[in-house]
């Protein structure tokens, strides 16, 4: 289960990032949830091995599975060393 950090809209924990044709990567995540008129959106950072995250960064579609087992579609928007930034690209489940 993810742990709230600094309030109910920020969650941290450990999870897995997967993308078709790529090896899955274990990550530590920091997710910021925002409520917008068109629904809930998530963005944040993933910390994992650069060698595993890089191929996923090059793919347009990936999934972040959080410790609770819930998952949602993301896109990695930046990768510097072992830290990636991401945005949700679809519906975000309750974390």
Protein backbone atom coordinates (compact mmCIF):
# COMPACT_ATOMS: atom_id res chain seq x y z
CA UNK A 1 0.00 0.00 0.00
CA UNK A 2 1.32 3.43 -0.77
CA UNK A 3 2.00 5.77 2.09
CA UNK A 4 0.59 9.32 2.08
CA UNK A 5 3.34 11.92 2.36
CA UNK A 6 2.61 15.57 3.12
CA UNK A 7 -1.14 15.06 2.81
CA UNK A 8 -3.57 12.90 0.89
CA UNK A 9 -2.45 13.98 -2.60
CA UNK A 10 1.14 12.71 -2.43
CA UNK A 11 1.95 8.99 -2.24
CA UNK A 12 5.29 7.22 -1.97
CA UNK A 13 6.23 3.58 -2.08
CA UNK A 14 7.74 0.82 -4.15
CA UNK A 15 6.32 -0.56 -7.36
CA UNK A 16 7.06 -1.86 -10.83
CA UNK A 17 7.06 -0.15 -14.23
CA UNK A 18 6.26 -2.29 -17.25
CA UNK A 19 6.09 -1.62 -20.99
CA UNK A 20 5.56 -3.94 -23.94
CA UNK A 21 8.84 -5.31 -25.24
CA UNK A 22 10.81 -4.10 -22.20
CA UNK A 23 11.97 -5.75 -18.99
CA UNK A 24 9.99 -4.69 -15.92
CA UNK A 25 11.79 -2.32 -13.55
CA UNK A 26 11.39 -2.09 -9.79
CA UNK A 27 11.12 1.52 -8.69
CA UNK A 28 10.52 3.78 -5.75
CA UNK A 29 7.78 6.23 -6.65
CA UNK A 30 6.53 9.61 -5.54
CA UNK A 31 3.09 10.29 -6.99
CA UNK A 32 1.32 13.64 -6.88
CA UNK A 33 -2.43 13.41 -7.51
CA UNK A 34 -4.30 16.40 -8.92
CA UNK A 35 -8.04 16.72 -9.42
CA UNK A 36 -8.88 18.50 -12.65
CA UNK A 37 -12.23 19.21 -14.31
CA UNK A 38 -11.76 16.19 -16.60
CA UNK A 39 -10.77 13.80 -13.78
CA UNK A 40 -7.83 12.86 -11.62
CA UNK A 41 -4.30 13.16 -13.01
CA UNK A 42 -1.03 11.87 -11.57
CA UNK A 43 2.58 12.90 -12.08
CA UNK A 44 5.76 12.41 -10.15
CA UNK A 45 9.10 10.67 -10.05
CA UNK A 46 10.36 7.13 -10.30
CA UNK A 47 13.74 6.05 -8.99
CA UNK A 48 15.16 2.84 -10.44
CA UNK A 49 18.03 1.52 -12.50
CA UNK A 50 18.81 3.76 -15.47
CA UNK A 51 19.59 0.76 -17.67
CA UNK A 52 16.07 -0.56 -17.07
CA UNK A 53 14.21 2.75 -17.24
CA UNK A 54 15.84 3.97 -20.47
CA UNK A 55 14.07 1.51 -22.83
CA UNK A 56 10.75 2.29 -21.13
CA UNK A 57 11.42 6.03 -21.51
CA UNK A 58 11.72 5.47 -25.26
CA UNK A 59 8.31 3.72 -25.40
CA UNK A 60 5.18 5.90 -25.51
CA UNK A 61 3.09 3.67 -23.22
CA UNK A 62 3.93 2.10 -19.87
CA UNK A 63 2.16 0.97 -16.71
CA UNK A 64 3.03 1.79 -13.12
CA UNK A 65 1.93 -0.89 -10.66
CA UNK A 66 1.97 0.35 -7.08
CA UNK A 67 2.43 -1.80 -4.00
CA UNK A 68 -1.34 -2.24 -3.51
CA UNK A 69 -1.47 -4.02 -6.88
CA UNK A 70 -3.35 -1.23 -8.65
CA UNK A 71 -1.85 0.02 -11.89
CA UNK A 72 -2.36 2.87 -14.32
CA UNK A 73 -1.01 4.09 -17.65
CA UNK A 74 1.94 6.46 -17.59
CA UNK A 75 4.45 8.04 -19.92
CA UNK A 76 8.00 8.76 -18.78
CA UNK A 77 8.69 12.34 -19.79
CA UNK A 78 12.29 12.76 -18.62
CA UNK A 79 15.13 10.57 -17.42
CA UNK A 80 18.27 11.82 -15.69
CA UNK A 81 20.47 9.14 -14.19
CA UNK A 82 18.30 6.83 -12.10
CA UNK A 83 15.41 9.32 -11.70
CA UNK A 84 12.55 9.54 -14.18
CA UNK A 85 9.64 11.97 -14.31
CA UNK A 86 6.25 10.67 -15.43
CA UNK A 87 2.66 11.70 -16.15
CA UNK A 88 -0.47 9.58 -16.18
CA UNK A 89 -2.00 9.02 -19.60
CA UNK A 90 -5.32 7.54 -18.56
CA UNK A 91 -7.62 7.07 -15.58
CA UNK A 92 -5.90 6.97 -12.18
CA UNK A 93 -7.25 4.49 -9.61
CA UNK A 94 -7.69 5.41 -5.98
CA UNK A 95 -4.35 4.85 -4.32
